[in-house]
C-alpha atoms as a PDB file:
ATOM      1  CA  MET A   1     -12.689 -30.519  15.819  1.00  0.00           C
ATOM      2  CA  VAL A   2      -9.661 -29.818  18.045  1.00  0.00           C
ATOM      3  CA  TYR A   3      -9.753 -26.627  20.170  1.00  0.00           C
ATOM      4  CA  MET A   4      -6.442 -25.078  21.192  1.00  0.00           C
ATOM      5  CA  LYS A   5      -5.959 -24.140  24.870  1.00  0.00           C
ATOM      6  CA  THR A   6      -5.293 -20.415  24.748  1.00  0.00           C
ATOM      7  CA  GLN A   7      -4.683 -17.429  27.004  1.00  0.00           C
ATOM      8  CA  GLN A   8      -6.567 -14.340  25.790  1.00  0.00           C
ATOM      9  CA  ILE A   9      -5.928 -10.661  26.510  1.00  0.00           C
ATOM     10  CA  LEU A  10      -7.494  -7.453  25.203  1.00  0.00           C
ATOM     11  CA  VAL A  11      -5.202  -4.548  24.251  1.00  0.00           C
ATOM     12  CA  PRO A  12      -5.867  -1.926  25.498  1.00  0.00           C
ATOM     13  CA  HIS A  13      -7.632  -3.210  28.574  1.00  0.00           C
ATOM     14  CA  GLN A  14     -10.470  -0.659  28.351  1.00  0.00           C
ATOM     15  CA  VAL A  15     -12.009  -0.249  24.877  1.00  0.00           C
ATOM     16  CA  TYR A  16     -14.802   2.078  23.742  1.00  0.00           C
ATOM     17  CA  ILE A  17     -17.062   2.040  20.680  1.00  0.00           C
ATOM     18  CA  GLY A  18     -15.091   2.783  17.508  1.00  0.00           C
ATOM     19  CA  ASP A  19     -11.682   2.214  19.141  1.00  0.00           C
ATOM     20  CA  ASN A  20      -9.049   0.070  17.452  1.00  0.00           C
ATOM     21  CA  ALA A  21      -8.219  -2.872  19.702  1.00  0.00           C
ATOM     22  CA  GLU A  22      -6.425  -6.210  19.560  1.00  0.00           C
ATOM     23  CA  ILE A  23      -7.600  -9.574  20.866  1.00  0.00           C
ATOM     24  CA  ARG A  24      -4.421 -11.605  21.464  1.00  0.00           C
ATOM     25  CA  CYS A  25      -4.814 -15.384  21.795  1.00  0.00           C
ATOM     26  CA  THR A  26      -1.589 -17.143  22.894  1.00  0.00           C
ATOM     27  CA  PHE A  27      -1.147 -20.910  22.810  1.00  0.00           C
ATOM     28  CA  GLU A  28       1.585 -23.538  22.922  1.00  0.00           C
ATOM     29  CA  SER A  29       1.962 -26.326  20.396  1.00  0.00           C
ATOM     30  CA  GLU A  30       4.703 -28.647  19.177  1.00  0.00           C
ATOM     31  CA  ALA A  31       3.030 -29.034  15.773  1.00  0.00           C
ATOM     32  CA  LEU A  32       5.432 -28.616  12.857  1.00  0.00           C
ATOM     33  CA  LEU A  33       2.652 -26.736  11.048  1.00  0.00           C
ATOM     34  CA  PHE A  34       3.143 -23.621  13.172  1.00  0.00           C
ATOM     35  CA  ARG A  35       6.914 -23.878  13.385  1.00  0.00           C
ATOM     36  CA  ASP A  36       7.334 -24.169   9.616  1.00  0.00           C
ATOM     37  CA  SER A  37       4.810 -21.389   8.959  1.00  0.00           C
ATOM     38  CA  VAL A  38       6.657 -18.713  10.929  1.00  0.00           C
ATOM     39  CA  SER A  39      10.266 -19.875  10.575  1.00  0.00           C
ATOM     40  CA  LYS A  40      10.555 -18.499   7.048  1.00  0.00           C
ATOM     41  CA  LYS A  41       7.942 -15.784   6.990  1.00  0.00           C
ATOM     42  CA  GLY A  42       7.985 -14.299  10.481  1.00  0.00           C
ATOM     43  CA  LEU A  43       4.761 -12.360  11.063  1.00  0.00           C
ATOM     44  CA  LEU A  44       1.989 -13.869   8.904  1.00  0.00           C
ATOM     45  CA  GLN A  45      -1.183 -12.230   7.608  1.00  0.00           C
ATOM     46  CA  LEU A  46      -4.067 -14.686   7.917  1.00  0.00           C
ATOM     47  CA  PRO A  47      -7.284 -14.600   5.840  1.00  0.00           C
ATOM     48  CA  LYS A  48     -10.761 -14.144   7.286  1.00  0.00           C
ATOM     49  CA  ASP A  49     -11.873 -17.438   5.720  1.00  0.00           C
ATOM     50  CA  GLY A  50     -10.813 -19.268   8.874  1.00  0.00           C
ATOM     51  CA  PHE A  51     -13.821 -18.134  10.935  1.00  0.00           C
ATOM     52  CA  LEU A  52     -16.223 -20.993  11.590  1.00  0.00           C
ATOM     53  CA  ASP A  53     -19.251 -18.646  11.439  1.00  0.00           C
ATOM     54  CA  SER A  54     -19.942 -15.462   9.514  1.00  0.00           C
ATOM     55  CA  LEU A  55     -18.868 -12.163  11.055  1.00  0.00           C
ATOM     56  CA  ASN A  56     -21.488  -9.729  12.345  1.00  0.00           C
ATOM     57  CA  ALA A  57     -20.291  -6.400  10.930  1.00  0.00           C
ATOM     58  CA  ALA A  58     -22.887  -4.505  12.959  1.00  0.00           C
ATOM     59  CA  GLU A  59     -21.370  -5.836  16.202  1.00  0.00           C
ATOM     60  CA  CYS A  60     -17.639  -5.880  15.483  1.00  0.00           C
ATOM     61  CA  ASP A  61     -15.409  -5.283  12.458  1.00  0.00           C
ATOM     62  CA  VAL A  62     -12.307  -7.485  12.102  1.00  0.00           C
ATOM     63  CA  LYS A  63      -9.678  -5.378  10.334  1.00  0.00           C
ATOM     64  CA  ASN A  64      -6.733  -7.731  10.319  1.00  0.00           C
ATOM     65  CA  ILE A  65      -5.559 -11.162  11.516  1.00  0.00           C
ATOM     66  CA  GLN A  66      -1.877 -11.871  12.232  1.00  0.00           C
ATOM     67  CA  PHE A  67       0.063 -14.918  13.404  1.00  0.00           C
ATOM     68  CA  GLN A  68       3.452 -14.685  15.125  1.00  0.00           C
ATOM     69  CA  SER A  69       5.939 -16.810  17.058  1.00  0.00           C
ATOM     70  CA  ASN A  70       6.848 -15.915  20.644  1.00  0.00           C
ATOM     71  CA  GLY A  71       9.847 -18.249  20.747  1.00  0.00           C
ATOM     72  CA  GLY A  72       9.961 -21.913  21.573  1.00  0.00           C
ATOM     73  CA  ASN A  73       6.589 -23.575  21.082  1.00  0.00           C
ATOM     74  CA  SER A  74       4.571 -20.453  21.961  1.00  0.00           C
ATOM     75  CA  TYR A  75       2.500 -18.650  19.309  1.00  0.00           C
ATOM     76  CA  THR A  76       0.024 -15.771  19.229  1.00  0.00           C
ATOM     77  CA  VAL A  77      -2.907 -15.016  16.915  1.00  0.00           C
ATOM     78  CA  ILE A  78      -3.763 -11.280  16.878  1.00  0.00           C
ATOM     79  CA  PHE A  79      -7.258 -10.151  15.858  1.00  0.00           C
ATOM     80  CA  SER A  80      -7.371  -6.393  15.115  1.00  0.00           C
ATOM     81  CA  VAL A  81     -10.989  -5.359  15.750  1.00  0.00           C
ATOM     82  CA  THR A  82     -13.229  -2.301  15.982  1.00  0.00           C
ATOM     83  CA  PRO A  83     -16.357  -2.771  18.183  1.00  0.00           C
ATOM     84  CA  TRP A  84     -19.613  -0.982  17.324  1.00  0.00           C
ATOM     85  CA  HIS A  85     -21.678  -1.397  20.508  1.00  0.00           C
ATOM     86  CA  THR A  86     -21.147  -1.640  24.260  1.00  0.00           C
ATOM     87  CA  GLY A  87     -21.373  -4.682  26.476  1.00  0.00           C
ATOM     88  CA  LYS A  88     -20.179  -8.134  25.500  1.00  0.00           C
ATOM     89  CA  VAL A  89     -18.843  -8.358  21.946  1.00  0.00           C
ATOM     90  CA  SER A  90     -17.673 -11.613  20.400  1.00  0.00           C
ATOM     91  CA  ILE A  91     -16.237 -12.921  17.159  1.00  0.00           C
ATOM     92  CA  PRO A  92     -16.614 -16.498  15.856  1.00  0.00           C
ATOM     93  CA  ASP A  93     -14.116 -19.268  16.598  1.00  0.00           C
ATOM     94  CA  TYR A  94     -11.150 -19.274  14.224  1.00  0.00           C
ATOM     95  CA  ASP A  95      -9.702 -22.349  12.483  1.00  0.00           C
ATOM     96  CA  ILE A  96      -6.017 -21.438  12.231  1.00  0.00           C
ATOM     97  CA  GLY A  97      -5.181 -24.803  10.704  1.00  0.00           C
ATOM     98  CA  PHE A  98      -7.538 -24.109   7.809  1.00  0.00           C
ATOM     99  CA  ALA A  99      -6.110 -20.603   7.386  1.00  0.00           C
ATOM    100  CA  LEU A 100      -2.576 -22.004   7.082  1.00  0.00           C
ATOM    101  CA  THR A 101      -3.139 -25.255   5.180  1.00  0.00           C
ATOM    102  CA  GLY A 102      -6.715 -25.326   3.912  1.00  0.00           C
ATOM    103  CA  GLU A 103      -7.468 -28.438   6.021  1.00  0.00           C
ATOM    104  CA  PRO A 104     -10.361 -27.665   8.437  1.00  0.00           C
ATOM    105  CA  GLY A 105     -10.895 -28.853  11.994  1.00  0.00           C
ATOM    106  CA  GLU A 106      -7.337 -29.522  13.124  1.00  0.00           C
ATOM    107  CA  HIS A 107      -6.448 -26.434  15.159  1.00  0.00           C
ATOM    108  CA  VAL A 108      -9.330 -24.184  16.255  1.00  0.00           C
ATOM    109  CA  ILE A 109      -9.061 -21.125  18.509  1.00  0.00           C
ATOM    110  CA  LYS A 110     -12.058 -20.266  20.690  1.00  0.00           C
ATOM    111  CA  VAL A 111     -12.313 -16.488  21.091  1.00  0.00           C
ATOM    112  CA  SER A 112     -14.018 -15.460  24.330  1.00  0.00           C
ATOM    113  CA  PRO A 113     -16.333 -12.406  24.347  1.00  0.00           C
ATOM    114  CA  VAL A 114     -14.737  -9.100  25.338  1.00  0.00           C
ATOM    115  CA  SER A 115     -16.329  -6.241  27.281  1.00  0.00           C
ATOM    116  CA  ILE A 116     -16.719  -2.868  25.549  1.00  0.00           C
ATOM    117  CA  SER A 117     -17.023   0.123  27.881  1.00  0.00           C
ATOM    118  CA  SER A 118     -19.434   3.045  27.678  1.00  0.00           C
ATOM    119  CA  ILE A 119     -18.126   6.580  28.161  1.00  0.00           C
ATOM    120  CA  MET A 120     -21.394   7.550  29.865  1.00  0.00           C
ATOM    121  CA  GLN A 121     -20.918   4.798  32.412  1.00  0.00           C
ATOM    122  CA  THR A 122     -17.244   5.507  33.124  1.00  0.00           C
ATOM    123  CA  GLU A 123     -17.584   9.303  33.411  1.00  0.00           C
ATOM    124  CA  SER A 124     -19.091  10.443  36.705  1.00  0.00           C
ATOM    125  CA  ILE A 125     -19.792  14.107  35.785  1.00  0.00           C
ATOM    126  CA  ASN A 126     -23.511  14.695  36.337  1.00  0.00           C
ATOM    127  CA  THR A 127     -23.744  18.339  37.518  1.00  0.00           C
ATOM    128  CA  LEU A 128     -22.921  21.705  35.955  1.00  0.00           C
ATOM    129  CA  MET A 129     -20.004  23.677  37.372  1.00  0.00           C
ATOM    130  CA  ASP A 130     -20.604  27.130  38.845  1.00  0.00           C
ATOM    131  CA  MET A 131     -20.002  30.050  36.473  1.00  0.00           C
ATOM    132  CA  ASP A 132     -17.134  32.431  37.219  1.00  0.00           C
ATOM    133  CA  SER A 133     -17.561  36.177  37.040  1.00  0.00           C
ATOM    134  CA  PRO A 134     -16.042  37.824  33.941  1.00  0.00           C
ATOM    135  CA  LEU A 135     -12.609  39.368  34.412  1.00  0.00           C
ATOM    136  CA  LEU A 136     -11.481  42.616  32.779  1.00  0.00           C
ATOM    137  CA  LEU A 137      -7.859  42.174  31.739  1.00  0.00           C
ATOM    138  CA  PRO A 138      -5.421  44.962  30.742  1.00  0.00           C
ATOM    139  CA  GLY A 139      -5.656  45.777  27.024  1.00  0.00           C
ATOM    140  CA  THR A 140      -9.203  44.430  26.712  1.00  0.00           C
ATOM    141  CA  THR A 141     -10.421  47.672  25.013  1.00  0.00           C
ATOM    142  CA  TYR A 142      -7.917  47.256  22.176  1.00  0.00           C
ATOM    143  CA  LYS A 143      -8.965  43.649  21.729  1.00  0.00           C
ATOM    144  CA  ILE A 144     -12.625  44.686  21.479  1.00  0.00           C
ATOM    145  CA  TYR A 145     -11.885  47.275  18.771  1.00  0.00           C
ATOM    146  CA  GLY A 146      -9.685  44.811  16.959  1.00  0.00           C
ATOM    147  CA  SER A 147     -12.452  42.227  17.051  1.00  0.00           C
ATOM    148  CA  LEU A 148     -14.939  44.757  15.652  1.00  0.00           C
ATOM    149  CA  LEU A 149     -12.557  45.594  12.800  1.00  0.00           C
ATOM    150  CA  LEU A 150     -12.133  41.900  11.979  1.00  0.00           C
ATOM    151  CA  ALA A 151     -15.921  41.471  12.106  1.00  0.00           C
ATOM    152  CA  LEU A 152     -16.381  44.323   9.582  1.00  0.00           C
ATOM    153  CA  ILE A 153     -13.801  42.783   7.254  1.00  0.00           C
ATOM    154  CA  PHE A 154     -15.517  39.430   7.589  1.00  0.00           C
ATOM    155  CA  VAL A 155     -18.920  40.949   6.746  1.00  0.00           C
ATOM    156  CA  PHE A 156     -17.423  42.669   3.693  1.00  0.00           C
ATOM    157  CA  VAL A 157     -15.925  39.400   2.480  1.00  0.00           C
ATOM    158  CA  ILE A 158     -19.250  37.611   2.993  1.00  0.00           C
ATOM    159  CA  ILE A 159     -21.082  40.270   0.933  1.00  0.00           C
ATOM    160  CA  ARG A 160     -18.547  39.881  -1.881  1.00  0.00           C
ATOM    161  CA  MET A 161     -18.918  36.113  -1.771  1.00  0.00           C
ATOM    162  CA  ILE A 162     -22.713  36.395  -1.985  1.00  0.00           C
ATOM    163  CA  ALA A 163     -22.410  38.707  -5.010  1.00  0.00           C
ATOM    164  CA  LYS A 164     -20.104  36.221  -6.742  1.00  0.00           C
ATOM    165  CA  ARG A 165     -21.685  33.130  -5.264  1.00  0.00           C
ATOM    166  CA  LYS A 166     -22.355  31.266  -8.536  1.00  0.00           C
ATOM    167  CA  SER A 167     -18.871  31.513 -10.000  1.00  0.00           C
ATOM    168  CA  LEU A 168     -17.245  31.134  -6.584  1.00  0.00           C
ATOM    169  CA  SER A 169     -19.367  28.094  -5.727  1.00  0.00           C
ATOM    170  CA  PHE A 170     -18.476  26.391  -8.983  1.00  0.00           C
ATOM    171  CA  TYR A 171     -14.788  27.232  -8.552  1.00  0.00           C
ATOM    172  CA  ILE A 172     -14.708  25.793  -5.018  1.00  0.00           C
ATOM    173  CA  LYS A 173     -16.592  22.647  -6.038  1.00  0.00           C
ATOM    174  CA  ASN A 174     -14.296  22.171  -9.025  1.00  0.00           C
ATOM    175  CA  LYS A 175     -11.137  22.579  -6.923  1.00  0.00           C
ATOM    176  CA  LEU A 176     -12.522  20.282  -4.225  1.00  0.00           C
ATOM    177  CA  LEU A 177     -13.356  17.623  -6.800  1.00  0.00           C
ATOM    178  CA  LEU A 178      -9.878  17.853  -8.331  1.00  0.00           C
ATOM    179  CA  TRP A 179      -8.367  17.502  -4.857  1.00  0.00           C
ATOM    180  CA  LYS A 180     -10.488  14.406  -4.201  1.00  0.00           C
ATOM    181  CA  TYR A 181      -9.401  12.913  -7.529  1.00  0.00           C
ATOM    182  CA  ALA A 182      -5.738  13.577  -6.714  1.00  0.00           C
ATOM    183  CA  ARG A 183      -6.171  12.036  -3.251  1.00  0.00           C
ATOM    184  CA  ASN A 184      -7.920   9.002  -4.744  1.00  0.00           C
ATOM    185  CA  LYS A 185      -5.015   8.511  -7.155  1.00  0.00           C
ATOM    186  CA  ARG A 186      -2.418   8.947  -4.411  1.00  0.00           C
ATOM    187  CA  LEU A 187      -4.093   6.413  -2.103  1.00  0.00           C
ATOM    188  CA  THR A 188      -4.492   3.963  -4.997  1.00  0.00           C
ATOM    189  CA  PHE A 189      -0.795   4.192  -5.881  1.00  0.00           C
ATOM    190  CA  LYS A 190       0.114   3.626  -2.224  1.00  0.00           C
ATOM    191  CA  ALA A 191      -2.161   0.575  -2.010  1.00  0.00           C
ATOM    192  CA  LEU A 192      -0.698  -0.891  -5.213  1.00  0.00           C
ATOM    193  CA  ASN A 193       2.854  -0.358  -3.947  1.00  0.00           C
ATOM    194  CA  ASP A 194       1.923  -2.112  -0.701  1.00  0.00           C
ATOM    195  CA  ILE A 195       0.628  -5.085  -2.708  1.00  0.00           C
ATOM    196  CA  GLN A 196       3.853  -5.140  -4.695  1.00  0.00           C
ATOM    197  CA  GLU A 197       5.909  -5.346  -1.497  1.00  0.00           C
ATOM    198  CA  GLY A 198       3.584  -7.619   0.504  1.00  0.00           C
ATOM    199  CA  PHE A 199       1.669 -10.899   0.067  1.00  0.00           C
ATOM    200  CA  LYS A 200       4.842 -12.955  -0.312  1.00  0.00           C
ATOM    201  CA  ASN A 201       4.017 -16.409  -1.700  1.00  0.00           C
ATOM    202  CA  GLN A 202       0.321 -15.414  -1.684  1.00  0.00           C
ATOM    203  CA  ASP A 203      -0.287 -14.631  -5.342  1.00  0.00           C
ATOM    204  CA  ASP A 204      -4.004 -15.407  -5.175  1.00  0.00           C
ATOM    205  CA  LEU A 205      -4.497 -12.909  -2.335  1.00  0.00           C
ATOM    206  CA  ALA A 206      -2.353 -10.337  -4.136  1.00  0.00           C
ATOM    207  CA  ALA A 207      -4.430 -10.745  -7.319  1.00  0.00           C
ATOM    208  CA  SER A 208      -7.663 -10.345  -5.363  1.00  0.00           C
ATOM    209  CA  GLU A 209      -6.359  -7.225  -3.597  1.00  0.00           C
ATOM    210  CA  ILE A 210      -5.225  -5.687  -6.915  1.00  0.00           C
ATOM    211  CA  GLN A 211      -8.763  -6.012  -8.290  1.00  0.00           C
ATOM    212  CA  LYS A 212     -10.297  -4.627  -5.095  1.00  0.00           C
ATOM    213  CA  VAL A 213      -8.057  -1.539  -5.127  1.00  0.00           C
ATOM    214  CA  MET A 214      -8.698  -0.861  -8.828  1.00  0.00           C
ATOM    215  CA  ARG A 215     -12.476  -1.303  -8.543  1.00  0.00           C
ATOM    216  CA  ASN A 216     -12.604   1.191  -5.677  1.00  0.00           C
ATOM    217  CA  TYR A 217     -10.469   3.662  -7.640  1.00  0.00           C
ATOM    218  CA  LEU A 218     -12.586   3.393 -10.800  1.00  0.00           C
ATOM    219  CA  GLU A 219     -15.887   3.608  -8.907  1.00  0.00           C
ATOM    220  CA  PHE A 220     -14.840   6.887  -7.251  1.00  0.00           C
ATOM    221  CA  ARG A 221     -13.124   8.359 -10.307  1.00  0.00           C
ATOM    222  CA  LEU A 222     -15.910   7.631 -12.819  1.00  0.00           C
ATOM    223  CA  SER A 223     -18.908   7.631 -10.420  1.00  0.00           C
ATOM    224  CA  TYR A 224     -19.998   4.220 -11.688  1.00  0.00           C
ATOM    225  CA  PRO A 225     -20.528   0.946  -9.742  1.00  0.00           C
ATOM    226  CA  PHE A 226     -17.405  -0.909 -10.899  1.00  0.00           C
ATOM    227  CA  THR A 227     -17.390  -2.931  -7.662  1.00  0.00           C
ATOM    228  CA  THR A 228     -20.442  -4.842  -8.921  1.00  0.00           C
ATOM    229  CA  LYS A 229     -19.068  -5.616 -12.379  1.00  0.00           C
ATOM    230  CA  VAL A 230     -17.286  -8.813 -13.378  1.00  0.00           C
ATOM    231  CA  THR A 231     -14.229  -8.707 -15.607  1.00  0.00           C
ATOM    232  CA  SER A 232     -16.164  -9.391 -18.813  1.00  0.00           C
ATOM    233  CA  GLU A 233     -18.359  -6.332 -18.129  1.00  0.00           C
ATOM    234  CA  LEU A 234     -15.584  -3.842 -17.417  1.00  0.00           C
ATOM    235  CA  MET A 235     -14.998  -2.516 -20.944  1.00  0.00           C
ATOM    236  CA  GLY A 236     -18.701  -1.915 -21.457  1.00  0.00           C
ATOM    237  CA  ALA A 237     -18.814  -0.200 -18.071  1.00  0.00           C
ATOM    238  CA  PHE A 238     -16.019   2.155 -19.138  1.00  0.00           C
ATOM    239  CA  TYR A 239     -17.955   3.263 -22.229  1.00  0.00           C
ATOM    240  CA  GLU A 240     -21.221   3.556 -20.308  1.00  0.00           C
ATOM    241  CA  ALA A 241     -19.597   5.587 -17.509  1.00  0.00           C
ATOM    242  CA  THR A 242     -18.082   8.006 -20.055  1.00  0.00           C
ATOM    243  CA  CYS A 243     -21.129   8.094 -22.387  1.00  0.00           C
ATOM    244  CA  ASN A 244     -19.004   6.585 -25.190  1.00  0.00           C
ATOM    245  CA  LEU A 245     -16.712   9.632 -25.180  1.00  0.00           C
ATOM    246  CA  LEU A 246     -13.446   7.800 -24.465  1.00  0.00           C
ATOM    247  CA  SER A 247     -10.512   9.060 -26.504  1.00  0.00           C
ATOM    248  CA  ASP A 248      -8.329   6.502 -28.266  1.00  0.00           C
ATOM    249  CA  VAL A 249      -5.560   6.897 -25.683  1.00  0.00           C
ATOM    250  CA  LYS A 250      -7.911   6.433 -22.734  1.00  0.00           C
ATOM    251  CA  ALA A 251      -9.644   3.517 -24.454  1.00  0.00           C
ATOM    252  CA  GLU A 252      -6.255   1.788 -24.731  1.00  0.00           C
ATOM    253  CA  ALA A 253      -5.638   2.462 -21.023  1.00  0.00           C
ATOM    254  CA  CYS A 254      -9.020   0.905 -20.173  1.00  0.00           C
ATOM    255  CA  GLU A 255      -8.196  -2.134 -22.314  1.00  0.00           C
ATOM    256  CA  ALA A 256      -4.893  -2.490 -20.447  1.00  0.00           C
ATOM    257  CA  ILE A 257      -6.764  -2.431 -17.126  1.00  0.00           C
ATOM    258  CA  CYS A 258      -9.169  -5.107 -18.398  1.00  0.00           C
ATOM    259  CA  GLY A 259      -6.181  -7.208 -19.455  1.00  0.00           C
ATOM    260  CA  VAL A 260      -4.771  -7.043 -15.931  1.00  0.00           C
ATOM    261  CA  PHE A 261      -8.159  -8.134 -14.544  1.00  0.00           C
ATOM    262  CA  VAL A 262      -8.226 -11.128 -16.899  1.00  0.00           C
ATOM    263  CA  ARG A 263      -4.752 -12.200 -15.753  1.00  0.00           C
ATOM    264  CA  THR A 264      -5.493 -11.712 -12.044  1.00  0.00           C
ATOM    265  CA  ASP A 265      -8.769 -13.666 -12.432  1.00  0.00           C
ATOM    266  CA  TYR A 266      -6.707 -16.593 -13.674  1.00  0.00           C
ATOM    267  CA  ILE A 267      -4.301 -16.278 -10.740  1.00  0.00           C
ATOM    268  CA  ARG A 268      -7.219 -16.084  -8.264  1.00  0.00           C
ATOM    269  CA  TYR A 269      -9.250 -19.036  -9.456  1.00  0.00           C
ATOM    270  CA  SER A 270      -6.649 -21.445 -10.815  1.00  0.00           C
ATOM    271  CA  LYS A 271      -5.199 -23.574  -8.033  1.00  0.00           C
ATOM    272  CA  ALA A 272      -1.873 -24.151  -9.757  1.00  0.00           C
ATOM    273  CA  ALA A 273      -1.449 -20.623 -11.125  1.00  0.00           C
ATOM    274  CA  SER A 274       1.023 -18.035  -9.879  1.00  0.00           C
ATOM    275  CA  PHE A 275       2.672 -14.880 -11.142  1.00  0.00           C
ATOM    276  CA  ASN A 276       5.675 -15.252 -13.396  1.00  0.00           C
ATOM    277  CA  PRO A 277       8.953 -13.702 -12.184  1.00  0.00           C
ATOM    278  CA  ASN A 278       8.511  -9.899 -11.969  1.00  0.00           C
ATOM    279  CA  GLU A 279       4.986 -10.233 -13.437  1.00  0.00           C
ATOM    280  CA  ARG A 280       3.256  -8.746 -10.388  1.00  0.00           C
ATOM    281  CA  GLU A 281       5.467  -5.639 -10.598  1.00  0.00           C
ATOM    282  CA  GLN A 282       4.807  -5.365 -14.349  1.00  0.00           C
ATOM    283  CA  LEU A 283       1.025  -5.602 -13.879  1.00  0.00           C
ATOM    284  CA  ILE A 284       1.071  -2.946 -11.155  1.00  0.00           C
ATOM    285  CA  THR A 285       3.197  -0.676 -13.353  1.00  0.00           C
ATOM    286  CA  THR A 286       0.683  -1.138 -16.178  1.00  0.00           C
ATOM    287  CA  LEU A 287      -2.163  -0.136 -13.840  1.00  0.00           C
ATOM    288  CA  MET A 288      -0.310   2.949 -12.617  1.00  0.00           C
ATOM    289  CA  ASN A 289       0.458   4.050 -16.172  1.00  0.00           C
ATOM    290  CA  SER A 290      -3.184   3.531 -17.125  1.00  0.00           C
ATOM    291  CA  ILE A 291      -4.330   5.593 -14.125  1.00  0.00           C
ATOM    292  CA  ASP A 292      -1.991   8.409 -15.212  1.00  0.00           C
ATOM    293  CA  VAL A 293      -3.639   8.358 -18.651  1.00  0.00           C
ATOM    294  CA  LEU A 294      -7.165   8.399 -17.187  1.00  0.00           C
ATOM    295  CA  GLU A 295      -6.289  11.323 -14.907  1.00  0.00           C
ATOM    296  CA  LYS A 296      -5.087  13.508 -17.797  1.00  0.00           C
ATOM    297  CA  GLU A 297      -7.713  15.797 -19.279  1.00  0.00           C
ATOM    298  CA  ASP A 298      -8.396  15.640 -22.999  1.00  0.00           C
ATOM    299  CA  PRO A 299      -8.352  18.950 -24.924  1.00  0.00           C
ATOM    300  CA  ILE A 300     -12.168  18.845 -25.157  1.00  0.00           C
ATOM    301  CA  GLU A 301     -12.446  18.380 -21.381  1.00  0.00           C
ATOM    302  CA  GLU A 302     -10.076  21.315 -20.759  1.00  0.00           C
ATOM    303  CA  ASN A 303     -12.158  23.618 -22.967  1.00  0.00           C
ATOM    304  CA  PHE A 304     -15.289  22.499 -21.193  1.00  0.00           C
ATOM    305  CA  VAL A 305     -13.794  23.327 -17.787  1.00  0.00           C
ATOM    306  CA  ASP A 306     -12.661  26.763 -19.005  1.00  0.00           C
ATOM    307  CA  GLU A 307     -16.182  27.569 -20.149  1.00  0.00           C
ATOM    308  CA  GLU A 308     -17.719  26.386 -16.881  1.00  0.00           C
ATOM    309  CA  VAL A 309     -15.462  28.406 -14.604  1.00  0.00           C
ATOM    310  CA  SER A 310     -16.065  31.631 -16.552  1.00  0.00           C
ATOM    311  CA  PRO A 311     -17.638  34.263 -14.241  1.00  0.00           C
ATOM    312  CA  ASP A 312     -20.165  35.083 -16.970  1.00  0.00           C
ATOM    313  CA  ALA A 313     -21.536  31.528 -16.975  1.00  0.00           C
END
């Protein structure tokens, strides 16, 4: 195993629990492996498979790994991390050669532990400040009466809300749920568009990310553990999640989603497989169209919602 001689810095210099930070490891090498990797692609996204040991998520979360050229024979590997406790925090050594070529042991980066600060230790405030006497400003009387009037209006509104609490509570919960569904759809579309634009020459990673995004969307939208289901179980999961009440149109949309999963499984696990020209865009378009179908309410669902939001319910 060959360890690269690196210079490591932490950005920013002082990091607290939950902060987003970067561990930058810079090294020099004349190996054609690094030169060829960045000459055509520029900034590279590296997989987490290159770590020699498993990551401790309770200690530090590695969000992203990037590889860039600094010019000449100088290169930098950037680990984007979020620490979860104070003191010394470390991540395993990283085999960059394996991440780029799949051949282990040729170019390994040793990541030194970094120090995570504690706010309690850095702040020196340990006594209470003296209280100032209250000041009576001009116009204070009008502000007091105005505050009383606002308080009376607030009490009146609260009484009305209590009287209508059942219908109001259901209305708020229904609107909040619809907002969450819309946000889930919007974030899913954004993630799919990012996959369509990114992962150049990384079809296996793109296929894996497509499945991950769709499983998270379906699990939130249908309140069913789609993240634990394999492709062959998806169609049954759709029917079970909807109590066999899928309309014909939505059943076709679910079948289209399953078809995309079958194709992306082949891309993920077949070494020689890759997307056909424009196929990735077509698959993502199919998923977006299917999501649009799933988000539309059937006539039966609309009637059900109208009955539920009735104040007499």
